Amino acid sequence: MPEADTSTKKKQYFPEIPQKLKPFPLKGAGSYDWGMKNRLARTFDPKTGHTVMLAVDHGYFQGPTTGLERIDLNIIPLIPYCDALFCTRGILRSVVPPQSTKPMVLRASGGPSILKELSNEEIAMDMEDALRLNAAGVGIQVFVGGEFETRSIHNMTRLVDLGLRHGMPVMGVTAVGKDMKRDAQYFRLACRMIAELGATYVKTYYIEKDFETVTASCPVPIVMAGGKKLPELDALTMAYNAIQGGASGVDMGRNIFQSDDPIAMIQAVGAVVHKNMKPEHALELYQTLKSKHAAKK
């Protein structure tokens, strides 16, 4: 039998203070279950509503990408500086230390390599395995306009159903083929379709013209894809403009791990995303940190 409450201290019920629950701040996420919201709050900083995700999933279709030849040497030191890591379950199990407390978002689609038609993907991970790995979310490519468009959309909706059943957020990724026109009209279509069909948040590319119409017309958060490697100032400017245009964060890979100083770069990106630091000031931060790191070698 549990012990009785024998405390002589007067109980305080505070009947004059109504119970309050702070509204969940992330766009479109107010009606989710507690587990889903908790996973989102681990991925998106509750103070800013933004995230710096580090994308290192490239190997699932193109092998050991430059900068990702040795995840243990090149990427693990970056984990303390990101809000979440976007990786595959193979990398998570084999390389990422289980002592890490940063949230992991797992690539859930796959199939063809760069030698084949990339839109011919399938769901490549069981949702129970994502739960077993304590994932904070899963990500899947959606090829709107691609050869296997319908298949990729149905892949995502099946994953969304499983995610809702288990409280697992699903990030829909707008996959752009080589010949597709990258403009606001296309991204408004792709992002809205992905959101309408149930994705919790959307990863898409930044465009200079009318990007704000893409974020405004998407009812769930958008995180900006980093894309190809750019000079540091250009990458920081792109991240800044995306945040100012309504993005809820970035999911950058090559512009961080292919930088001359990845640790300095990810901190500079974090200052842009979470502190609204101007690109030129973020570049100064990057250069300062880079000099300090060089002096220690």
C-alpha atoms as a PDB file:
ATOM      1  CA  MET A   1       0.000   0.000   0.000  1.00  0.00           C
ATOM      2  CA  PRO A   2       1.290   3.499  -0.792  1.00  0.00           C
ATOM      3  CA  GLU A   3       1.862   5.772   2.159  1.00  0.00           C
ATOM      4  CA  ALA A   4      -0.862   8.212   3.009  1.00  0.00           C
ATOM      5  CA  ASP A   5      -0.346  11.955   2.521  1.00  0.00           C
ATOM      6  CA  THR A   6       0.654  12.918   6.079  1.00  0.00           C
ATOM      7  CA  SER A   7       2.003  16.375   5.278  1.00  0.00           C
ATOM      8  CA  THR A   8       0.756  19.129   7.586  1.00  0.00           C
ATOM      9  CA  LYS A   9       1.338  21.764   4.937  1.00  0.00           C
ATOM     10  CA  LYS A  10      -1.852  23.447   3.780  1.00  0.00           C
ATOM     11  CA  LYS A  11      -2.840  22.360   0.302  1.00  0.00           C
ATOM     12  CA  GLN A  12      -2.971  24.991  -2.398  1.00  0.00           C
ATOM     13  CA  TYR A  13      -5.523  24.504  -5.164  1.00  0.00           C
ATOM     14  CA  PHE A  14      -5.436  28.068  -6.537  1.00  0.00           C
ATOM     15  CA  PRO A  15      -9.116  28.091  -7.599  1.00  0.00           C
ATOM     16  CA  GLU A  16      -8.775  31.733  -8.608  1.00  0.00           C
ATOM     17  CA  ILE A  17      -6.208  30.854 -11.319  1.00  0.00           C
ATOM     18  CA  PRO A  18      -7.677  29.161 -14.417  1.00  0.00           C
ATOM     19  CA  GLN A  19      -5.620  26.363 -15.939  1.00  0.00           C
ATOM     20  CA  LYS A  20      -3.829  27.602 -19.013  1.00  0.00           C
ATOM     21  CA  LEU A  21      -2.262  25.802 -21.921  1.00  0.00           C
ATOM     22  CA  LYS A  22       0.055  27.726 -24.178  1.00  0.00           C
ATOM     23  CA  PRO A  23      -0.931  27.427 -27.834  1.00  0.00           C
ATOM     24  CA  PHE A  24       1.477  25.331 -29.869  1.00  0.00           C
ATOM     25  CA  PRO A  25       3.421  27.885 -31.910  1.00  0.00           C
ATOM     26  CA  LEU A  26       4.271  25.881 -35.041  1.00  0.00           C
ATOM     27  CA  LYS A  27       2.233  26.681 -38.140  1.00  0.00           C
ATOM     28  CA  GLY A  28      -0.636  24.268 -38.738  1.00  0.00           C
ATOM     29  CA  ALA A  29       0.272  21.989 -35.837  1.00  0.00           C
ATOM     30  CA  GLY A  30      -2.296  23.026 -33.225  1.00  0.00           C
ATOM     31  CA  SER A  31      -4.531  19.958 -33.609  1.00  0.00           C
ATOM     32  CA  TYR A  32      -1.896  17.231 -33.438  1.00  0.00           C
ATOM     33  CA  ASP A  33      -1.579  14.723 -30.606  1.00  0.00           C
ATOM     34  CA  TRP A  34       0.878  15.366 -27.765  1.00  0.00           C
ATOM     35  CA  GLY A  35       3.480  12.929 -29.083  1.00  0.00           C
ATOM     36  CA  MET A  36       3.493  14.545 -32.520  1.00  0.00           C
ATOM     37  CA  LYS A  37       3.818  18.019 -31.006  1.00  0.00           C
ATOM     38  CA  ASN A  38       6.595  16.864 -28.708  1.00  0.00           C
ATOM     39  CA  ARG A  39       8.598  15.500 -31.627  1.00  0.00           C
ATOM     40  CA  LEU A  40       8.055  18.746 -33.533  1.00  0.00           C
ATOM     41  CA  ALA A  41       9.122  20.787 -30.497  1.00  0.00           C
ATOM     42  CA  ARG A  42      12.363  18.812 -30.437  1.00  0.00           C
ATOM     43  CA  THR A  43      12.999  19.567 -34.112  1.00  0.00           C
ATOM     44  CA  PHE A  44      11.858  23.207 -34.199  1.00  0.00           C
ATOM     45  CA  ASP A  45      13.230  25.419 -31.425  1.00  0.00           C
ATOM     46  CA  PRO A  46      10.177  26.393 -29.312  1.00  0.00           C
ATOM     47  CA  LYS A  47      11.666  29.836 -28.652  1.00  0.00           C
ATOM     48  CA  THR A  48      12.060  30.823 -32.297  1.00  0.00           C
ATOM     49  CA  GLY A  49       9.833  28.337 -34.110  1.00  0.00           C
ATOM     50  CA  HIS A  50      12.761  27.707 -36.459  1.00  0.00           C
ATOM     51  CA  THR A  51      15.144  24.835 -37.113  1.00  0.00           C
ATOM     52  CA  VAL A  52      18.617  24.253 -38.502  1.00  0.00           C
ATOM     53  CA  MET A  53      18.494  20.722 -39.823  1.00  0.00           C
ATOM     54  CA  LEU A  54      21.730  19.179 -41.076  1.00  0.00           C
ATOM     55  CA  ALA A  55      21.049  17.052 -44.149  1.00  0.00           C
ATOM     56  CA  VAL A  56      23.455  14.134 -44.577  1.00  0.00           C
ATOM     57  CA  ASP A  57      21.188  11.621 -46.330  1.00  0.00           C
ATOM     58  CA  HIS A  58      22.796  12.039 -49.771  1.00  0.00           C
ATOM     59  CA  GLY A  59      24.429   8.622 -49.698  1.00  0.00           C
ATOM     60  CA  TYR A  60      21.100   6.800 -50.005  1.00  0.00           C
ATOM     61  CA  PHE A  61      21.139   7.404 -53.769  1.00  0.00           C
ATOM     62  CA  GLN A  62      24.576   8.825 -54.679  1.00  0.00           C
ATOM     63  CA  GLY A  63      26.999   7.027 -52.398  1.00  0.00           C
ATOM     64  CA  PRO A  64      29.880   8.691 -50.502  1.00  0.00           C
ATOM     65  CA  THR A  65      29.296  12.321 -51.459  1.00  0.00           C
ATOM     66  CA  THR A  66      32.218  14.717 -50.995  1.00  0.00           C
ATOM     67  CA  GLY A  67      32.247  15.668 -47.333  1.00  0.00           C
ATOM     68  CA  LEU A  68      30.330  12.534 -46.357  1.00  0.00           C
ATOM     69  CA  GLU A  69      33.041   9.970 -47.036  1.00  0.00           C
ATOM     70  CA  ARG A  70      33.473   9.489 -43.277  1.00  0.00           C
ATOM     71  CA  ILE A  71      30.381  10.478 -41.315  1.00  0.00           C
ATOM     72  CA  ASP A  72      32.142   9.645 -38.065  1.00  0.00           C
ATOM     73  CA  LEU A  73      34.931  12.132 -38.760  1.00  0.00           C
ATOM     74  CA  ASN A  74      33.144  14.875 -40.703  1.00  0.00           C
ATOM     75  CA  ILE A  75      29.565  14.979 -39.430  1.00  0.00           C
ATOM     76  CA  ILE A  76      29.466  13.744 -35.843  1.00  0.00           C
ATOM     77  CA  PRO A  77      31.405  16.856 -34.638  1.00  0.00           C
ATOM     78  CA  LEU A  78      28.675  19.036 -36.201  1.00  0.00           C
ATOM     79  CA  ILE A  79      25.745  17.452 -34.351  1.00  0.00           C
ATOM     80  CA  PRO A  80      26.020  19.688 -31.244  1.00  0.00           C
ATOM     81  CA  TYR A  81      25.466  22.752 -33.435  1.00  0.00           C
ATOM     82  CA  CYS A  82      22.352  21.647 -35.343  1.00  0.00           C
ATOM     83  CA  ASP A  83      18.751  21.401 -34.164  1.00  0.00           C
ATOM     84  CA  ALA A  84      18.176  18.078 -35.934  1.00  0.00           C
ATOM     85  CA  LEU A  85      20.043  15.637 -38.151  1.00  0.00           C
ATOM     86  CA  PHE A  86      18.417  14.374 -41.361  1.00  0.00           C
ATOM     87  CA  CYS A  87      20.010  11.017 -42.082  1.00  0.00           C
ATOM     88  CA  THR A  88      19.311   7.401 -42.995  1.00  0.00           C
ATOM     89  CA  ARG A  89      18.663   4.639 -40.495  1.00  0.00           C
ATOM     90  CA  GLY A  90      21.817   2.892 -41.674  1.00  0.00           C
ATOM     91  CA  ILE A  91      23.974   5.852 -40.718  1.00  0.00           C
ATOM     92  CA  LEU A  92      22.091   6.348 -37.460  1.00  0.00           C
ATOM     93  CA  ARG A  93      22.637   2.772 -36.328  1.00  0.00           C
ATOM     94  CA  SER A  94      26.208   2.389 -37.496  1.00  0.00           C
ATOM     95  CA  VAL A  95      27.787   5.781 -36.817  1.00  0.00           C
ATOM     96  CA  VAL A  96      25.748   8.207 -34.680  1.00  0.00           C
ATOM     97  CA  PRO A  97      26.554   7.841 -30.949  1.00  0.00           C
ATOM     98  CA  PRO A  98      23.459   6.833 -28.965  1.00  0.00           C
ATOM     99  CA  GLN A  99      24.528   9.369 -26.322  1.00  0.00           C
ATOM    100  CA  SER A 100      23.428  12.119 -28.715  1.00  0.00           C
ATOM    101  CA  THR A 101      20.283  13.876 -27.558  1.00  0.00           C
ATOM    102  CA  LYS A 102      19.661  15.798 -30.777  1.00  0.00           C
ATOM    103  CA  PRO A 103      16.537  14.741 -32.682  1.00  0.00           C
ATOM    104  CA  MET A 104      16.963  12.507 -35.711  1.00  0.00           C
ATOM    105  CA  VAL A 105      14.770  12.793 -38.806  1.00  0.00           C
ATOM    106  CA  LEU A 106      15.113   9.685 -40.958  1.00  0.00           C
ATOM    107  CA  ARG A 107      15.016   9.299 -44.723  1.00  0.00           C
ATOM    108  CA  ALA A 108      12.109   6.940 -45.374  1.00  0.00           C
ATOM    109  CA  SER A 109      12.101   6.674 -49.176  1.00  0.00           C
ATOM    110  CA  GLY A 110      14.547   5.147 -51.593  1.00  0.00           C
ATOM    111  CA  GLY A 111      15.166   2.695 -54.384  1.00  0.00           C
ATOM    112  CA  PRO A 112      16.916   3.989 -57.484  1.00  0.00           C
ATOM    113  CA  SER A 113      20.444   5.310 -57.571  1.00  0.00           C
ATOM    114  CA  ILE A 114      21.679   8.261 -59.607  1.00  0.00           C
ATOM    115  CA  LEU A 115      22.135   5.731 -62.420  1.00  0.00           C
ATOM    116  CA  LYS A 116      18.358   5.288 -62.768  1.00  0.00           C
ATOM    117  CA  GLU A 117      15.123   7.324 -62.816  1.00  0.00           C
ATOM    118  CA  LEU A 118      15.078   8.901 -59.352  1.00  0.00           C
ATOM    119  CA  SER A 119      11.307   9.354 -59.164  1.00  0.00           C
ATOM    120  CA  ASN A 120      10.828   5.573 -59.141  1.00  0.00           C
ATOM    121  CA  GLU A 121      11.037   5.446 -55.335  1.00  0.00           C
ATOM    122  CA  GLU A 122       9.239   3.354 -52.748  1.00  0.00           C
ATOM    123  CA  ILE A 123       8.827   3.593 -48.993  1.00  0.00           C
ATOM    124  CA  ALA A 124      12.107   2.110 -47.781  1.00  0.00           C
ATOM    125  CA  MET A 125      11.628   1.992 -44.007  1.00  0.00           C
ATOM    126  CA  ASP A 126       9.017   0.565 -41.664  1.00  0.00           C
ATOM    127  CA  MET A 127       7.425   3.065 -39.284  1.00  0.00           C
ATOM    128  CA  GLU A 128       8.003   0.692 -36.378  1.00  0.00           C
ATOM    129  CA  ASP A 129      11.725   0.924 -37.053  1.00  0.00           C
ATOM    130  CA  ALA A 130      11.527   4.714 -36.890  1.00  0.00           C
ATOM    131  CA  LEU A 131       9.879   4.371 -33.484  1.00  0.00           C
ATOM    132  CA  ARG A 132      12.489   1.800 -32.428  1.00  0.00           C
ATOM    133  CA  LEU A 133      15.175   4.341 -33.326  1.00  0.00           C
ATOM    134  CA  ASN A 134      13.427   7.095 -31.352  1.00  0.00           C
ATOM    135  CA  ALA A 135      13.159   9.253 -34.473  1.00  0.00           C
ATOM    136  CA  ALA A 136      11.693  12.743 -34.267  1.00  0.00           C
ATOM    137  CA  GLY A 137      10.368  12.536 -37.809  1.00  0.00           C
ATOM    138  CA  VAL A 138      10.676  10.867 -41.195  1.00  0.00           C
ATOM    139  CA  GLY A 139      11.240  12.396 -44.624  1.00  0.00           C
ATOM    140  CA  ILE A 140      10.098  11.275 -48.050  1.00  0.00           C
ATOM    141  CA  GLN A 141      10.602  12.567 -51.595  1.00  0.00           C
ATOM    142  CA  VAL A 142       7.564  13.681 -53.616  1.00  0.00           C
ATOM    143  CA  PHE A 143       8.117  14.030 -57.365  1.00  0.00           C
ATOM    144  CA  VAL A 144       5.347  16.400 -58.482  1.00  0.00           C
ATOM    145  CA  GLY A 145       5.606  16.468 -62.261  1.00  0.00           C
ATOM    146  CA  GLY A 146       7.986  13.510 -62.343  1.00  0.00           C
ATOM    147  CA  GLU A 147       7.526  10.269 -64.253  1.00  0.00           C
ATOM    148  CA  PHE A 148       6.393   8.421 -61.135  1.00  0.00           C
ATOM    149  CA  GLU A 149       4.496  11.334 -59.564  1.00  0.00           C
ATOM    150  CA  THR A 150       1.441   9.340 -58.457  1.00  0.00           C
ATOM    151  CA  ARG A 151       3.541   6.591 -56.893  1.00  0.00           C
ATOM    152  CA  SER A 152       5.586   9.099 -54.886  1.00  0.00           C
ATOM    153  CA  ILE A 153       2.450  10.862 -53.676  1.00  0.00           C
ATOM    154  CA  HIS A 154       0.886   7.584 -52.607  1.00  0.00           C
ATOM    155  CA  ASN A 155       4.139   6.664 -50.860  1.00  0.00           C
ATOM    156  CA  MET A 156       3.847   9.868 -48.863  1.00  0.00           C
ATOM    157  CA  THR A 157       0.173   9.448 -47.989  1.00  0.00           C
ATOM    158  CA  ARG A 158       0.785   5.894 -46.749  1.00  0.00           C
ATOM    159  CA  LEU A 159       3.626   7.208 -44.623  1.00  0.00           C
ATOM    160  CA  VAL A 160       1.415  10.034 -43.323  1.00  0.00           C
ATOM    161  CA  ASP A 161      -1.248   7.509 -42.273  1.00  0.00           C
ATOM    162  CA  LEU A 162       1.368   5.540 -40.363  1.00  0.00           C
ATOM    163  CA  GLY A 163       2.794   8.743 -38.893  1.00  0.00           C
ATOM    164  CA  LEU A 164      -0.579   9.885 -37.606  1.00  0.00           C
ATOM    165  CA  ARG A 165      -1.168   6.440 -36.115  1.00  0.00           C
ATOM    166  CA  HIS A 166       2.114   6.581 -34.192  1.00  0.00           C
ATOM    167  CA  GLY A 167       2.613  10.317 -33.580  1.00  0.00           C
ATOM    168  CA  MET A 168       5.468  10.629 -36.092  1.00  0.00           C
ATOM    169  CA  PRO A 169       5.851  13.838 -38.159  1.00  0.00           C
ATOM    170  CA  VAL A 170       6.361  13.387 -41.889  1.00  0.00           C
ATOM    171  CA  MET A 171       8.471  15.824 -43.899  1.00  0.00           C
ATOM    172  CA  GLY A 172       7.492  15.895 -47.564  1.00  0.00           C
ATOM    173  CA  VAL A 173      10.415  16.849 -49.812  1.00  0.00           C
ATOM    174  CA  THR A 174       9.765  18.543 -53.155  1.00  0.00           C
ATOM    175  CA  ALA A 175      12.013  16.654 -55.565  1.00  0.00           C
ATOM    176  CA  VAL A 176      12.833  18.651 -58.686  1.00  0.00           C
ATOM    177  CA  GLY A 177      13.956  16.797 -61.786  1.00  0.00           C
ATOM    178  CA  LYS A 178      16.733  18.013 -64.041  1.00  0.00           C
ATOM    179  CA  ASP A 179      14.363  19.424 -66.648  1.00  0.00           C
ATOM    180  CA  MET A 180      11.742  20.978 -64.374  1.00  0.00           C
ATOM    181  CA  LYS A 181      11.369  24.731 -64.184  1.00  0.00           C
ATOM    182  CA  ARG A 182      12.088  25.973 -60.677  1.00  0.00           C
ATOM    183  CA  ASP A 183       9.727  28.892 -60.173  1.00  0.00           C
ATOM    184  CA  ALA A 184       7.096  30.041 -57.694  1.00  0.00           C
ATOM    185  CA  GLN A 185       4.235  28.560 -59.709  1.00  0.00           C
ATOM    186  CA  TYR A 186       5.749  25.082 -59.531  1.00  0.00           C
ATOM    187  CA  PHE A 187       6.683  25.276 -55.850  1.00  0.00           C
ATOM    188  CA  ARG A 188       3.268  26.680 -54.887  1.00  0.00           C
ATOM    189  CA  LEU A 189       1.739  23.643 -56.589  1.00  0.00           C
ATOM    190  CA  ALA A 190       4.140  21.072 -55.154  1.00  0.00           C
ATOM    191  CA  CYS A 191       4.200  22.396 -51.586  1.00  0.00           C
ATOM    192  CA  ARG A 192       0.444  22.866 -51.429  1.00  0.00           C
ATOM    193  CA  MET A 193      -0.187  19.340 -52.735  1.00  0.00           C
ATOM    194  CA  ILE A 194       2.204  17.854 -50.211  1.00  0.00           C
ATOM    195  CA  ALA A 195       0.581  19.788 -47.355  1.00  0.00           C
ATOM    196  CA  GLU A 196      -2.987  19.085 -48.487  1.00  0.00           C
ATOM    197  CA  LEU A 197      -2.245  15.367 -48.592  1.00  0.00           C
ATOM    198  CA  GLY A 198      -1.068  15.354 -45.001  1.00  0.00           C
ATOM    199  CA  ALA A 199       2.647  16.133 -44.616  1.00  0.00           C
ATOM    200  CA  THR A 200       3.509  17.727 -41.283  1.00  0.00           C
ATOM    201  CA  TYR A 201       6.071  20.042 -42.866  1.00  0.00           C
ATOM    202  CA  VAL A 202       7.626  20.538 -46.293  1.00  0.00           C
ATOM    203  CA  LYS A 203      11.215  20.810 -47.475  1.00  0.00           C
ATOM    204  CA  THR A 204      11.604  22.846 -50.640  1.00  0.00           C
ATOM    205  CA  TYR A 205      14.019  25.050 -52.548  1.00  0.00           C
ATOM    206  CA  TYR A 206      14.424  28.797 -52.211  1.00  0.00           C
ATOM    207  CA  ILE A 207      13.683  30.960 -55.232  1.00  0.00           C
ATOM    208  CA  GLU A 208      14.452  34.655 -55.435  1.00  0.00           C
ATOM    209  CA  LYS A 209      11.134  35.726 -56.989  1.00  0.00           C
ATOM    210  CA  ASP A 210       7.884  35.331 -55.025  1.00  0.00           C
ATOM    211  CA  PHE A 211       9.186  32.831 -52.470  1.00  0.00           C
ATOM    212  CA  GLU A 212       6.860  34.425 -49.915  1.00  0.00           C
ATOM    213  CA  THR A 213       3.867  33.284 -51.998  1.00  0.00           C
ATOM    214  CA  VAL A 214       5.093  29.693 -51.632  1.00  0.00           C
ATOM    215  CA  THR A 215       5.292  29.893 -47.837  1.00  0.00           C
ATOM    216  CA  ALA A 216       2.065  31.907 -47.498  1.00  0.00           C
ATOM    217  CA  SER A 217       0.041  29.438 -49.567  1.00  0.00           C
ATOM    218  CA  CYS A 218       1.412  26.395 -47.708  1.00  0.00           C
ATOM    219  CA  PRO A 219      -0.580  25.707 -44.508  1.00  0.00           C
ATOM    220  CA  VAL A 220       2.311  23.864 -42.796  1.00  0.00           C
ATOM    221  CA  PRO A 221       5.907  24.928 -42.062  1.00  0.00           C
ATOM    222  CA  ILE A 222       8.428  25.071 -44.879  1.00  0.00           C
ATOM    223  CA  VAL A 223      12.138  24.384 -44.400  1.00  0.00           C
ATOM    224  CA  MET A 224      14.547  25.482 -47.102  1.00  0.00           C
ATOM    225  CA  ALA A 225      16.698  22.929 -48.896  1.00  0.00           C
ATOM    226  CA  GLY A 226      20.330  23.936 -49.161  1.00  0.00           C
ATOM    227  CA  GLY A 227      20.864  22.721 -52.714  1.00  0.00           C
ATOM    228  CA  LYS A 228      24.214  22.882 -54.478  1.00  0.00           C
ATOM    229  CA  LYS A 229      27.357  24.249 -52.831  1.00  0.00           C
ATOM    230  CA  LEU A 230      27.560  28.047 -52.903  1.00  0.00           C
ATOM    231  CA  PRO A 231      30.135  30.547 -51.608  1.00  0.00           C
ATOM    232  CA  GLU A 232      29.561  31.107 -47.889  1.00  0.00           C
ATOM    233  CA  LEU A 233      28.069  34.597 -48.253  1.00  0.00           C
ATOM    234  CA  ASP A 234      25.675  33.414 -50.951  1.00  0.00           C
ATOM    235  CA  ALA A 235      24.537  30.471 -48.813  1.00  0.00           C
ATOM    236  CA  LEU A 236      24.011  32.694 -45.765  1.00  0.00           C
ATOM    237  CA  THR A 237      22.124  35.221 -47.884  1.00  0.00           C
ATOM    238  CA  MET A 238      19.888  32.485 -49.264  1.00  0.00           C
ATOM    239  CA  ALA A 239      19.119  31.250 -45.743  1.00  0.00           C
ATOM    240  CA  TYR A 240      18.418  34.793 -44.534  1.00  0.00           C
ATOM    241  CA  ASN A 241      16.109  35.572 -47.441  1.00  0.00           C
ATOM    242  CA  ALA A 242      14.249  32.296 -46.959  1.00  0.00           C
ATOM    243  CA  ILE A 243      13.587  33.047 -43.284  1.00  0.00           C
ATOM    244  CA  GLN A 244      12.516  36.590 -44.104  1.00  0.00           C
ATOM    245  CA  GLY A 245      10.255  35.115 -46.781  1.00  0.00           C
ATOM    246  CA  GLY A 246       8.396  32.931 -44.291  1.00  0.00           C
ATOM    247  CA  ALA A 247      10.429  29.730 -44.043  1.00  0.00           C
ATOM    248  CA  SER A 248      10.549  28.030 -40.644  1.00  0.00           C
ATOM    249  CA  GLY A 249      14.125  26.933 -41.004  1.00  0.00           C
ATOM    250  CA  VAL A 250      16.651  25.260 -43.274  1.00  0.00           C
ATOM    251  CA  ASP A 251      17.720  21.715 -44.015  1.00  0.00           C
ATOM    252  CA  MET A 252      21.229  22.315 -45.330  1.00  0.00           C
ATOM    253  CA  GLY A 253      23.853  19.803 -46.301  1.00  0.00           C
ATOM    254  CA  ARG A 254      26.554  20.618 -48.849  1.00  0.00           C
ATOM    255  CA  ASN A 255      26.642  24.308 -47.949  1.00  0.00           C
ATOM    256  CA  ILE A 256      27.685  23.230 -44.464  1.00  0.00           C
ATOM    257  CA  PHE A 257      29.699  20.016 -44.688  1.00  0.00           C
ATOM    258  CA  GLN A 258      31.507  21.082 -47.889  1.00  0.00           C
ATOM    259  CA  SER A 259      32.455  24.451 -46.406  1.00  0.00           C
ATOM    260  CA  ASP A 260      36.124  25.126 -45.603  1.00  0.00           C
ATOM    261  CA  ASP A 261      35.113  25.161 -41.915  1.00  0.00           C
ATOM    262  CA  PRO A 262      31.843  23.254 -41.401  1.00  0.00           C
ATOM    263  CA  ILE A 263      31.662  23.944 -37.649  1.00  0.00           C
ATOM    264  CA  ALA A 264      32.017  27.683 -38.223  1.00  0.00           C
ATOM    265  CA  MET A 265      29.498  27.575 -41.070  1.00  0.00           C
ATOM    266  CA  ILE A 266      26.779  25.744 -39.172  1.00  0.00           C
ATOM    267  CA  GLN A 267      27.078  28.256 -36.331  1.00  0.00           C
ATOM    268  CA  ALA A 268      26.804  31.132 -38.818  1.00  0.00           C
ATOM    269  CA  VAL A 269      23.708  29.544 -40.358  1.00  0.00           C
ATOM    270  CA  GLY A 270      22.256  29.121 -36.868  1.00  0.00           C
ATOM    271  CA  ALA A 271      22.766  32.826 -36.168  1.00  0.00           C
ATOM    272  CA  VAL A 272      20.872  33.690 -39.352  1.00  0.00           C
ATOM    273  CA  VAL A 273      18.004  31.284 -38.659  1.00  0.00           C
ATOM    274  CA  HIS A 274      17.529  31.843 -34.933  1.00  0.00           C
ATOM    275  CA  LYS A 275      18.827  35.390 -34.413  1.00  0.00           C
ATOM    276  CA  ASN A 276      17.941  37.039 -37.738  1.00  0.00           C
ATOM    277  CA  MET A 277      21.598  37.940 -38.162  1.00  0.00           C
ATOM    278  CA  LYS A 278      22.258  39.748 -41.439  1.00  0.00           C
ATOM    279  CA  PRO A 279      24.280  37.724 -43.974  1.00  0.00           C
ATOM    280  CA  GLU A 280      27.298  40.015 -43.921  1.00  0.00           C
ATOM    281  CA  HIS A 281      27.472  39.823 -40.119  1.00  0.00           C
ATOM    282  CA  ALA A 282      27.035  36.057 -40.240  1.00  0.00           C
ATOM    283  CA  LEU A 283      29.933  35.883 -42.693  1.00  0.00           C
ATOM    284  CA  GLU A 284      32.060  37.860 -40.222  1.00  0.00           C
ATOM    285  CA  LEU A 285      31.085  35.349 -37.530  1.00  0.00           C
ATOM    286  CA  TYR A 286      32.055  32.499 -39.838  1.00  0.00           C
ATOM    287  CA  GLN A 287      35.438  34.061 -40.618  1.00  0.00           C
ATOM    288  CA  THR A 288      36.137  34.780 -36.945  1.00  0.00           C
ATOM    289  CA  LEU A 289      35.354  31.227 -35.912  1.00  0.00           C
ATOM    290  CA  LYS A 290      37.316  29.845 -38.844  1.00  0.00           C
ATOM    291  CA  SER A 291      40.387  31.873 -37.782  1.00  0.00           C
ATOM    292  CA  LYS A 292      40.084  30.641 -34.196  1.00  0.00           C
ATOM    293  CA  HIS A 293      39.860  27.037 -35.344  1.00  0.00           C
ATOM    294  CA  ALA A 294      42.867  27.483 -37.610  1.00  0.00           C
ATOM    295  CA  ALA A 295      44.912  28.987 -34.757  1.00  0.00           C
ATOM    296  CA  LYS A 296      44.272  25.910 -32.617  1.00  0.00           C
ATOM    297  CA  LYS A 297      45.605  23.503 -35.217  1.00  0.00           C
END
